[in-house]
C-alpha atoms as a PDB file:
ATOM      1  CA  MET A   1       0.000   0.000   0.000  1.00  0.00           C
ATOM      2  CA  LYS A   2       1.122   3.569  -0.590  1.00  0.00           C
ATOM      3  CA  VAL A   3       1.783   5.511   2.621  1.00  0.00           C
ATOM      4  CA  HIS A   4       1.866   9.299   2.986  1.00  0.00           C
ATOM      5  CA  HIS A   5       3.515  10.852   6.050  1.00  0.00           C
ATOM      6  CA  LEU A   6       1.653  13.984   7.204  1.00  0.00           C
ATOM      7  CA  ASN A   7       2.416  16.519   9.906  1.00  0.00           C
ATOM      8  CA  CYS A   8      -1.033  17.387  11.233  1.00  0.00           C
ATOM      9  CA  GLY A   9      -0.041  19.705  14.030  1.00  0.00           C
ATOM     10  CA  SER A  10       3.206  21.611  14.571  1.00  0.00           C
ATOM     11  CA  MET A  11       3.778  22.371  18.259  1.00  0.00           C
ATOM     12  CA  GLN A  12       6.344  24.572  19.973  1.00  0.00           C
ATOM     13  CA  PRO A  13       6.557  24.002  23.722  1.00  0.00           C
ATOM     14  CA  PRO A  14       9.284  26.145  25.301  1.00  0.00           C
ATOM     15  CA  GLY A  15      12.607  25.168  23.766  1.00  0.00           C
ATOM     16  CA  LEU A  16      11.176  22.367  21.626  1.00  0.00           C
ATOM     17  CA  ARG A  17       9.758  21.698  18.175  1.00  0.00           C
ATOM     18  CA  LEU A  18       7.254  18.870  17.771  1.00  0.00           C
ATOM     19  CA  VAL A  19       5.029  17.446  15.039  1.00  0.00           C
ATOM     20  CA  CYS A  20       1.887  15.317  14.922  1.00  0.00           C
ATOM     21  CA  HIS A  21       2.959  12.462  12.656  1.00  0.00           C
ATOM     22  CA  VAL A  22      -0.085  10.987  10.907  1.00  0.00           C
ATOM     23  CA  LEU A  23      -0.147   8.216   8.308  1.00  0.00           C
ATOM     24  CA  LEU A  24      -2.441   8.298   5.289  1.00  0.00           C
ATOM     25  CA  MET A  25      -2.601   4.944   3.518  1.00  0.00           C
ATOM     26  CA  GLU A  26      -4.043   4.154   0.128  1.00  0.00           C
ATOM     27  CA  THR A  27      -5.534   0.662   0.410  1.00  0.00           C
ATOM     28  CA  ALA A  28      -7.872  -1.509  -1.627  1.00  0.00           C
ATOM     29  CA  ASN A  29     -10.565  -0.632   0.946  1.00  0.00           C
ATOM     30  CA  GLY A  30     -10.160   3.124   0.562  1.00  0.00           C
ATOM     31  CA  LEU A  31      -8.047   5.583   2.495  1.00  0.00           C
ATOM     32  CA  VAL A  32      -6.959   4.812   6.052  1.00  0.00           C
ATOM     33  CA  LEU A  33      -5.530   7.241   8.594  1.00  0.00           C
ATOM     34  CA  VAL A  34      -3.379   6.315  11.552  1.00  0.00           C
ATOM     35  CA  ASP A  35      -4.252   9.057  14.061  1.00  0.00           C
ATOM     36  CA  SER A  36      -5.664  12.347  12.793  1.00  0.00           C
ATOM     37  CA  GLY A  37      -3.721  15.136  14.497  1.00  0.00           C
ATOM     38  CA  TYR A  38      -5.502  18.419  15.085  1.00  0.00           C
ATOM     39  CA  GLY A  39      -8.602  19.117  13.000  1.00  0.00           C
ATOM     40  CA  LEU A  40     -10.545  22.022  11.578  1.00  0.00           C
ATOM     41  CA  ASP A  41     -12.842  22.146  14.609  1.00  0.00           C
ATOM     42  CA  ASP A  42      -9.778  22.485  16.857  1.00  0.00           C
ATOM     43  CA  VAL A  43      -8.663  25.460  14.786  1.00  0.00           C
ATOM     44  CA  ALA A  44     -12.108  27.048  15.159  1.00  0.00           C
ATOM     45  CA  HIS A  45     -12.727  26.178  18.836  1.00  0.00           C
ATOM     46  CA  PRO A  46      -9.389  25.604  20.626  1.00  0.00           C
ATOM     47  CA  ARG A  47     -10.650  26.407  24.121  1.00  0.00           C
ATOM     48  CA  ARG A  48     -13.388  23.784  24.060  1.00  0.00           C
ATOM     49  CA  ARG A  49     -11.639  21.102  22.060  1.00  0.00           C
ATOM     50  CA  VAL A  50      -7.965  21.355  23.007  1.00  0.00           C
ATOM     51  CA  GLY A  51      -8.221  22.873  26.455  1.00  0.00           C
ATOM     52  CA  PRO A  52      -5.617  24.460  28.734  1.00  0.00           C
ATOM     53  CA  VAL A  53      -2.841  22.136  27.561  1.00  0.00           C
ATOM     54  CA  ARG A  54      -2.609  24.306  24.438  1.00  0.00           C
ATOM     55  CA  PHE A  55      -0.790  26.954  26.482  1.00  0.00           C
ATOM     56  CA  LEU A  56       1.963  24.437  27.183  1.00  0.00           C
ATOM     57  CA  THR A  57       2.177  22.620  23.844  1.00  0.00           C
ATOM     58  CA  ARG A  58       1.478  25.790  21.788  1.00  0.00           C
ATOM     59  CA  PRO A  59       0.063  24.115  18.665  1.00  0.00           C
ATOM     60  CA  SER A  60       0.020  26.156  15.488  1.00  0.00           C
ATOM     61  CA  LEU A  61      -3.628  25.187  14.812  1.00  0.00           C
ATOM     62  CA  ASP A  62      -3.157  25.918  11.145  1.00  0.00           C
ATOM     63  CA  ALA A  63      -6.064  24.757   8.983  1.00  0.00           C
ATOM     64  CA  GLU A  64      -3.635  23.908   6.162  1.00  0.00           C
ATOM     65  CA  GLU A  65      -1.885  21.382   8.417  1.00  0.00           C
ATOM     66  CA  THR A  66      -5.053  19.421   9.155  1.00  0.00           C
ATOM     67  CA  ALA A  67      -5.471  15.956   7.682  1.00  0.00           C
ATOM     68  CA  ALA A  68      -8.663  17.167   5.965  1.00  0.00           C
ATOM     69  CA  ARG A  69      -6.837  19.831   3.976  1.00  0.00           C
ATOM     70  CA  GLN A  70      -3.871  17.560   3.197  1.00  0.00           C
ATOM     71  CA  VAL A  71      -6.139  14.753   1.982  1.00  0.00           C
ATOM     72  CA  GLU A  72      -7.821  17.230  -0.348  1.00  0.00           C
ATOM     73  CA  ARG A  73      -4.495  18.588  -1.614  1.00  0.00           C
ATOM     74  CA  LEU A  74      -3.523  15.040  -2.562  1.00  0.00           C
ATOM     75  CA  GLY A  75      -6.570  14.921  -4.818  1.00  0.00           C
ATOM     76  CA  PHE A  76      -8.897  12.887  -2.595  1.00  0.00           C
ATOM     77  CA  ARG A  77     -12.207  13.680  -0.945  1.00  0.00           C
ATOM     78  CA  ARG A  78     -12.651  13.509   2.798  1.00  0.00           C
ATOM     79  CA  GLU A  79     -15.307  10.833   2.188  1.00  0.00           C
ATOM     80  CA  ASP A  80     -12.563   8.636   0.738  1.00  0.00           C
ATOM     81  CA  VAL A  81     -11.188   8.146   4.257  1.00  0.00           C
ATOM     82  CA  ARG A  82     -12.972   4.974   5.291  1.00  0.00           C
ATOM     83  CA  HIS A  83     -11.113   4.104   8.509  1.00  0.00           C
ATOM     84  CA  ILE A  84      -9.113   5.898  11.193  1.00  0.00           C
ATOM     85  CA  VAL A  85      -6.912   3.728  13.413  1.00  0.00           C
ATOM     86  CA  LEU A  86      -5.921   5.427  16.677  1.00  0.00           C
ATOM     87  CA  THR A  87      -2.905   4.994  18.889  1.00  0.00           C
ATOM     88  CA  HIS A  88      -4.833   6.696  21.741  1.00  0.00           C
ATOM     89  CA  PHE A  89      -7.401   9.391  22.538  1.00  0.00           C
ATOM     90  CA  ASP A  90      -5.320  12.450  23.443  1.00  0.00           C
ATOM     91  CA  ALA A  91      -6.611  15.542  21.631  1.00  0.00           C
ATOM     92  CA  ASP A  92      -3.556  15.952  19.410  1.00  0.00           C
ATOM     93  CA  HIS A  93      -4.185  12.464  18.026  1.00  0.00           C
ATOM     94  CA  ILE A  94      -7.967  12.553  17.543  1.00  0.00           C
ATOM     95  CA  GLY A  95      -8.777  16.196  16.833  1.00  0.00           C
ATOM     96  CA  GLY A  96      -9.350  15.494  13.158  1.00  0.00           C
ATOM     97  CA  LEU A  97     -11.981  12.778  13.694  1.00  0.00           C
ATOM     98  CA  SER A  98     -14.864  15.190  13.209  1.00  0.00           C
ATOM     99  CA  ASP A  99     -13.487  16.157   9.778  1.00  0.00           C
ATOM    100  CA  PHE A 100     -14.179  12.575   8.649  1.00  0.00           C
ATOM    101  CA  PRO A 101     -17.599  11.834  10.202  1.00  0.00           C
ATOM    102  CA  HIS A 102     -18.292   8.836   7.962  1.00  0.00           C
ATOM    103  CA  ALA A 103     -15.046   7.049   8.798  1.00  0.00           C
ATOM    104  CA  THR A 104     -15.029   4.089  11.169  1.00  0.00           C
ATOM    105  CA  VAL A 105     -12.743   4.688  14.146  1.00  0.00           C
ATOM    106  CA  HIS A 106     -10.640   1.844  15.542  1.00  0.00           C
ATOM    107  CA  ALA A 107      -9.039   1.766  19.007  1.00  0.00           C
ATOM    108  CA  THR A 108      -8.285  -0.669  21.789  1.00  0.00           C
ATOM    109  CA  ALA A 109     -11.161  -1.525  24.106  1.00  0.00           C
ATOM    110  CA  ALA A 110      -9.041  -0.405  27.054  1.00  0.00           C
ATOM    111  CA  GLU A 111      -8.552   3.042  25.522  1.00  0.00           C
ATOM    112  CA  VAL A 112     -12.262   3.473  24.815  1.00  0.00           C
ATOM    113  CA  LEU A 113     -13.060   2.386  28.382  1.00  0.00           C
ATOM    114  CA  GLY A 114     -10.609   4.905  29.870  1.00  0.00           C
ATOM    115  CA  SER A 115     -11.700   7.828  27.717  1.00  0.00           C
ATOM    116  CA  VAL A 116     -15.308   7.460  26.559  1.00  0.00           C
ATOM    117  CA  ILE A 117     -17.031   4.860  28.747  1.00  0.00           C
ATOM    118  CA  SER A 118     -15.655   4.919  32.292  1.00  0.00           C
ATOM    119  CA  PRO A 119     -12.729   7.309  32.751  1.00  0.00           C
ATOM    120  CA  SER A 120     -11.103   7.794  36.136  1.00  0.00           C
ATOM    121  CA  LEU A 121     -10.934  11.301  37.593  1.00  0.00           C
ATOM    122  CA  ARG A 122      -7.463  11.758  36.137  1.00  0.00           C
ATOM    123  CA  GLU A 123      -8.628  10.554  32.739  1.00  0.00           C
ATOM    124  CA  ARG A 124     -11.638  12.886  32.818  1.00  0.00           C
ATOM    125  CA  ASN A 125      -9.205  15.765  33.234  1.00  0.00           C
ATOM    126  CA  ARG A 126      -7.059  14.456  30.407  1.00  0.00           C
ATOM    127  CA  TYR A 127      -9.534  13.781  27.602  1.00  0.00           C
ATOM    128  CA  ARG A 128     -11.821  16.187  25.730  1.00  0.00           C
ATOM    129  CA  PRO A 129     -15.281  14.674  25.082  1.00  0.00           C
ATOM    130  CA  ALA A 130     -15.920  17.394  22.494  1.00  0.00           C
ATOM    131  CA  GLN A 131     -13.578  15.409  20.259  1.00  0.00           C
ATOM    132  CA  TRP A 132     -16.132  12.593  19.878  1.00  0.00           C
ATOM    133  CA  ALA A 133     -19.348  14.594  20.379  1.00  0.00           C
ATOM    134  CA  HIS A 134     -20.160  14.128  16.678  1.00  0.00           C
ATOM    135  CA  GLY A 135     -20.869  10.459  17.418  1.00  0.00           C
ATOM    136  CA  PRO A 136     -18.306   8.518  15.387  1.00  0.00           C
ATOM    137  CA  LYS A 137     -18.701   4.789  14.881  1.00  0.00           C
ATOM    138  CA  ILE A 138     -16.043   3.338  17.167  1.00  0.00           C
ATOM    139  CA  VAL A 139     -14.916  -0.274  16.817  1.00  0.00           C
ATOM    140  CA  GLU A 140     -13.128  -1.668  19.867  1.00  0.00           C
ATOM    141  CA  HIS A 141     -10.303  -4.156  19.468  1.00  0.00           C
ATOM    142  CA  ARG A 142      -8.707  -6.496  21.985  1.00  0.00           C
ATOM    143  CA  PRO A 143      -5.209  -7.243  20.706  1.00  0.00           C
ATOM    144  CA  ASP A 144      -4.418 -10.208  22.920  1.00  0.00           C
ATOM    145  CA  GLY A 145      -4.161 -13.371  20.839  1.00  0.00           C
ATOM    146  CA  GLU A 146      -1.324 -12.839  18.376  1.00  0.00           C
ATOM    147  CA  LYS A 147       2.358 -11.957  18.494  1.00  0.00           C
ATOM    148  CA  TRP A 148       4.254  -9.403  16.441  1.00  0.00           C
ATOM    149  CA  ARG A 149       8.042  -8.954  16.516  1.00  0.00           C
ATOM    150  CA  GLY A 150       8.245 -10.107  20.120  1.00  0.00           C
ATOM    151  CA  PHE A 151       5.192  -8.197  21.333  1.00  0.00           C
ATOM    152  CA  ALA A 152       2.736 -10.651  22.848  1.00  0.00           C
ATOM    153  CA  GLN A 153      -0.488  -8.717  22.270  1.00  0.00           C
ATOM    154  CA  ALA A 154      -1.273  -7.804  18.682  1.00  0.00           C
ATOM    155  CA  LYS A 155      -4.145  -8.027  16.239  1.00  0.00           C
ATOM    156  CA  GLU A 156      -4.196  -7.760  12.466  1.00  0.00           C
ATOM    157  CA  LEU A 157      -6.982  -5.423  11.375  1.00  0.00           C
ATOM    158  CA  ASP A 158      -8.144  -7.417   8.356  1.00  0.00           C
ATOM    159  CA  ALA A 159     -11.462  -5.567   8.214  1.00  0.00           C
ATOM    160  CA  VAL A 160      -9.536  -2.334   7.661  1.00  0.00           C
ATOM    161  CA  ALA A 161      -6.882  -3.666   5.267  1.00  0.00           C
ATOM    162  CA  PRO A 162      -4.430  -6.573   5.188  1.00  0.00           C
ATOM    163  CA  GLY A 163      -1.046  -5.668   6.611  1.00  0.00           C
ATOM    164  CA  ILE A 164      -2.222  -3.321   9.384  1.00  0.00           C
ATOM    165  CA  VAL A 165      -1.502  -4.612  12.887  1.00  0.00           C
ATOM    166  CA  MET A 166      -2.575  -3.048  16.193  1.00  0.00           C
ATOM    167  CA  VAL A 167       0.019  -3.754  18.889  1.00  0.00           C
ATOM    168  CA  SER A 168      -1.104  -3.227  22.487  1.00  0.00           C
ATOM    169  CA  LEU A 169       1.418  -1.101  24.400  1.00  0.00           C
ATOM    170  CA  PRO A 170      -0.308   0.538  27.383  1.00  0.00           C
ATOM    171  CA  GLY A 171       1.547   2.948  29.619  1.00  0.00           C
ATOM    172  CA  HIS A 172       1.243   6.427  28.120  1.00  0.00           C
ATOM    173  CA  THR A 173      -2.515   5.877  28.368  1.00  0.00           C
ATOM    174  CA  ARG A 174      -4.618   2.991  29.614  1.00  0.00           C
ATOM    175  CA  GLY A 175      -5.079   1.466  26.184  1.00  0.00           C
ATOM    176  CA  HIS A 176      -2.289   2.956  24.098  1.00  0.00           C
ATOM    177  CA  ALA A 177      -1.369   1.021  20.948  1.00  0.00           C
ATOM    178  CA  CYS A 178       1.308   1.048  18.282  1.00  0.00           C
ATOM    179  CA  ILE A 179       0.277   0.526  14.671  1.00  0.00           C
ATOM    180  CA  ALA A 180       2.437  -1.586  12.355  1.00  0.00           C
ATOM    181  CA  VAL A 181       1.981  -1.353   8.597  1.00  0.00           C
ATOM    182  CA  ASP A 182       3.313  -3.673   5.915  1.00  0.00           C
ATOM    183  CA  THR A 183       4.257  -1.370   3.033  1.00  0.00           C
ATOM    184  CA  GLY A 184       5.412  -4.215   0.816  1.00  0.00           C
ATOM    185  CA  GLY A 185       9.172  -3.821   1.029  1.00  0.00           C
ATOM    186  CA  ARG A 186       9.275  -3.246   4.766  1.00  0.00           C
ATOM    187  CA  TRP A 187       7.241  -2.798   7.904  1.00  0.00           C
ATOM    188  CA  ILE A 188       6.859   0.599   9.523  1.00  0.00           C
ATOM    189  CA  LEU A 189       5.889   0.891  13.189  1.00  0.00           C
ATOM    190  CA  HIS A 190       4.035   4.028  14.275  1.00  0.00           C
ATOM    191  CA  ALA A 191       4.736   3.896  17.997  1.00  0.00           C
ATOM    192  CA  GLY A 192       2.427   6.777  18.902  1.00  0.00           C
ATOM    193  CA  ASP A 193       3.461   8.306  22.236  1.00  0.00           C
ATOM    194  CA  SER A 194       5.130   5.171  23.622  1.00  0.00           C
ATOM    195  CA  PHE A 195       8.333   7.225  23.401  1.00  0.00           C
ATOM    196  CA  TYR A 196       8.889  10.908  22.676  1.00  0.00           C
ATOM    197  CA  HIS A 197      12.427  11.235  21.299  1.00  0.00           C
ATOM    198  CA  HIS A 198      14.756   9.236  19.067  1.00  0.00           C
ATOM    199  CA  GLY A 199      17.365   9.217  21.821  1.00  0.00           C
ATOM    200  CA  THR A 200      15.169   6.738  23.686  1.00  0.00           C
ATOM    201  CA  LEU A 201      15.818   4.258  20.884  1.00  0.00           C
ATOM    202  CA  ASP A 202      19.459   4.852  20.008  1.00  0.00           C
ATOM    203  CA  GLY A 203      20.685   5.342  23.591  1.00  0.00           C
ATOM    204  CA  ARG A 204      23.210   7.906  22.414  1.00  0.00           C
ATOM    205  CA  THR A 205      21.323  11.123  21.733  1.00  0.00           C
ATOM    206  CA  PRO A 206      20.352  12.988  24.933  1.00  0.00           C
ATOM    207  CA  VAL A 207      16.607  13.259  25.446  1.00  0.00           C
ATOM    208  CA  PRO A 208      15.684  16.873  26.326  1.00  0.00           C
ATOM    209  CA  ALA A 209      14.839  17.223  30.012  1.00  0.00           C
ATOM    210  CA  ALA A 210      11.529  18.907  29.201  1.00  0.00           C
ATOM    211  CA  LEU A 211      10.432  15.858  27.201  1.00  0.00           C
ATOM    212  CA  ARG A 212      11.487  13.463  29.937  1.00  0.00           C
ATOM    213  CA  ARG A 213       9.487  15.414  32.503  1.00  0.00           C
ATOM    214  CA  SER A 214       6.442  15.680  30.267  1.00  0.00           C
ATOM    215  CA  GLU A 215       6.511  11.976  29.485  1.00  0.00           C
ATOM    216  CA  ALA A 216       6.584  11.111  33.185  1.00  0.00           C
ATOM    217  CA  VAL A 217       3.889  13.595  34.192  1.00  0.00           C
ATOM    218  CA  VAL A 218       1.297  12.516  31.623  1.00  0.00           C
ATOM    219  CA  ALA A 219       1.946   8.759  31.845  1.00  0.00           C
ATOM    220  CA  TYR A 220      -0.994   6.641  32.931  1.00  0.00           C
ATOM    221  CA  ASP A 221       1.524   4.050  34.202  1.00  0.00           C
ATOM    222  CA  ALA A 222       5.114   5.320  34.384  1.00  0.00           C
ATOM    223  CA  ASP A 223       6.543   1.845  35.082  1.00  0.00           C
ATOM    224  CA  LYS A 224       5.005   0.512  31.886  1.00  0.00           C
ATOM    225  CA  VAL A 225       6.335   3.498  29.945  1.00  0.00           C
ATOM    226  CA  ARG A 226       9.865   2.632  31.093  1.00  0.00           C
ATOM    227  CA  ASP A 227       9.328  -1.017  30.178  1.00  0.00           C
ATOM    228  CA  ASN A 228       8.075   0.041  26.747  1.00  0.00           C
ATOM    229  CA  HIS A 229      11.178   2.169  26.240  1.00  0.00           C
ATOM    230  CA  ALA A 230      13.362  -0.840  26.936  1.00  0.00           C
ATOM    231  CA  ARG A 231      11.385  -3.117  24.607  1.00  0.00           C
ATOM    232  CA  LEU A 232      11.382  -0.638  21.743  1.00  0.00           C
ATOM    233  CA  ALA A 233      15.077   0.155  22.199  1.00  0.00           C
ATOM    234  CA  GLU A 234      15.882  -3.561  22.094  1.00  0.00           C
ATOM    235  CA  LEU A 235      13.859  -3.929  18.892  1.00  0.00           C
ATOM    236  CA  TYR A 236      15.698  -0.929  17.425  1.00  0.00           C
ATOM    237  CA  ARG A 237      19.106  -2.404  18.343  1.00  0.00           C
ATOM    238  CA  ARG A 238      18.249  -5.595  16.471  1.00  0.00           C
ATOM    239  CA  ALA A 239      18.385  -3.439  13.327  1.00  0.00           C
ATOM    240  CA  GLU A 240      16.021  -5.662  11.394  1.00  0.00           C
ATOM    241  CA  PRO A 241      16.389  -4.539   7.769  1.00  0.00           C
ATOM    242  CA  ASP A 242      12.657  -4.725   7.040  1.00  0.00           C
ATOM    243  CA  LEU A 243      11.513  -2.578   9.991  1.00  0.00           C
ATOM    244  CA  VAL A 244      11.525   1.168  10.714  1.00  0.00           C
ATOM    245  CA  ILE A 245      10.322   2.613  14.028  1.00  0.00           C
ATOM    246  CA  PHE A 246       9.096   6.171  14.568  1.00  0.00           C
ATOM    247  CA  ASN A 247       6.735   7.979  16.909  1.00  0.00           C
ATOM    248  CA  ALA A 248       4.106  10.703  16.801  1.00  0.00           C
ATOM    249  CA  HIS A 249       6.027  13.830  17.769  1.00  0.00           C
ATOM    250  CA  ASP A 250       9.745  13.592  16.973  1.00  0.00           C
ATOM    251  CA  PRO A 251      10.464  15.930  14.003  1.00  0.00           C
ATOM    252  CA  THR A 252      13.771  14.166  13.271  1.00  0.00           C
ATOM    253  CA  LEU A 253      12.025  10.829  12.774  1.00  0.00           C
ATOM    254  CA  PHE A 254       9.238  12.474  10.795  1.00  0.00           C
ATOM    255  CA  GLU A 255      11.703  14.086   8.405  1.00  0.00           C
ATOM    256  CA  LYS A 256      13.553  10.792   8.070  1.00  0.00           C
ATOM    257  CA  MET A 257      10.332   9.084   6.970  1.00  0.00           C
ATOM    258  CA  LEU A 258       9.515  11.928   4.571  1.00  0.00           C
ATOM    259  CA  SER A 259      12.896  11.440   2.924  1.00  0.00           C
ATOM    260  CA  GLY A 260      12.212   7.732   2.444  1.00  0.00           C
ATOM    261  CA  ALA A 261      15.102   6.665   4.693  1.00  0.00           C
END
């Protein structure tokens, strides 16, 4: 399948530059997004839809960066997006859902439970219900019966398209997932927010202190986040020639994928 790498939300916290790395895939079943970044409704109503965190993350909220506008610039219609597969429900990952109201949304059952159905007090403060107030069709998945590259809990999303695998990796949120995609010549692993900076993988590049603090503060389970770092770093060190790992916010990794590296 053909994969487009989109930045759907530049952010500039103090001293940092971040992106919202979204995948747009051309499949036999129509277009598929992995995450959606910020959307047009976020641009129009940031207070209600993004909330106070916008003063820290300082998103550009540029309509031209939204997935909706980028899909259209590629010559498609928004209605061509049939499925949106989510890593998790933070606003910078789901803000564009309302721009594709006919798309089926896919997430782990644990993430839907912790955001939409029965959030804890901390989760109620974290998530923005305005992001799903348009009533999207949400399909819950329980990735628990298959293995993928050493990860015990994975599920191939055949109903979306062959070669898309949801890998359960909770920690950043209750039901966080990574999304693996078979592009034909290699697999790419969108690790969402399971790590923030490429230094977590290579073990050589210092991770900015502000990112380390942010990662710890927002983690649903900090111990699991640390375990996930170790597992992903080990997978990276194996240097499997048919696998590339990146995350949602690291601009260095985003630019590497844009260049085809």
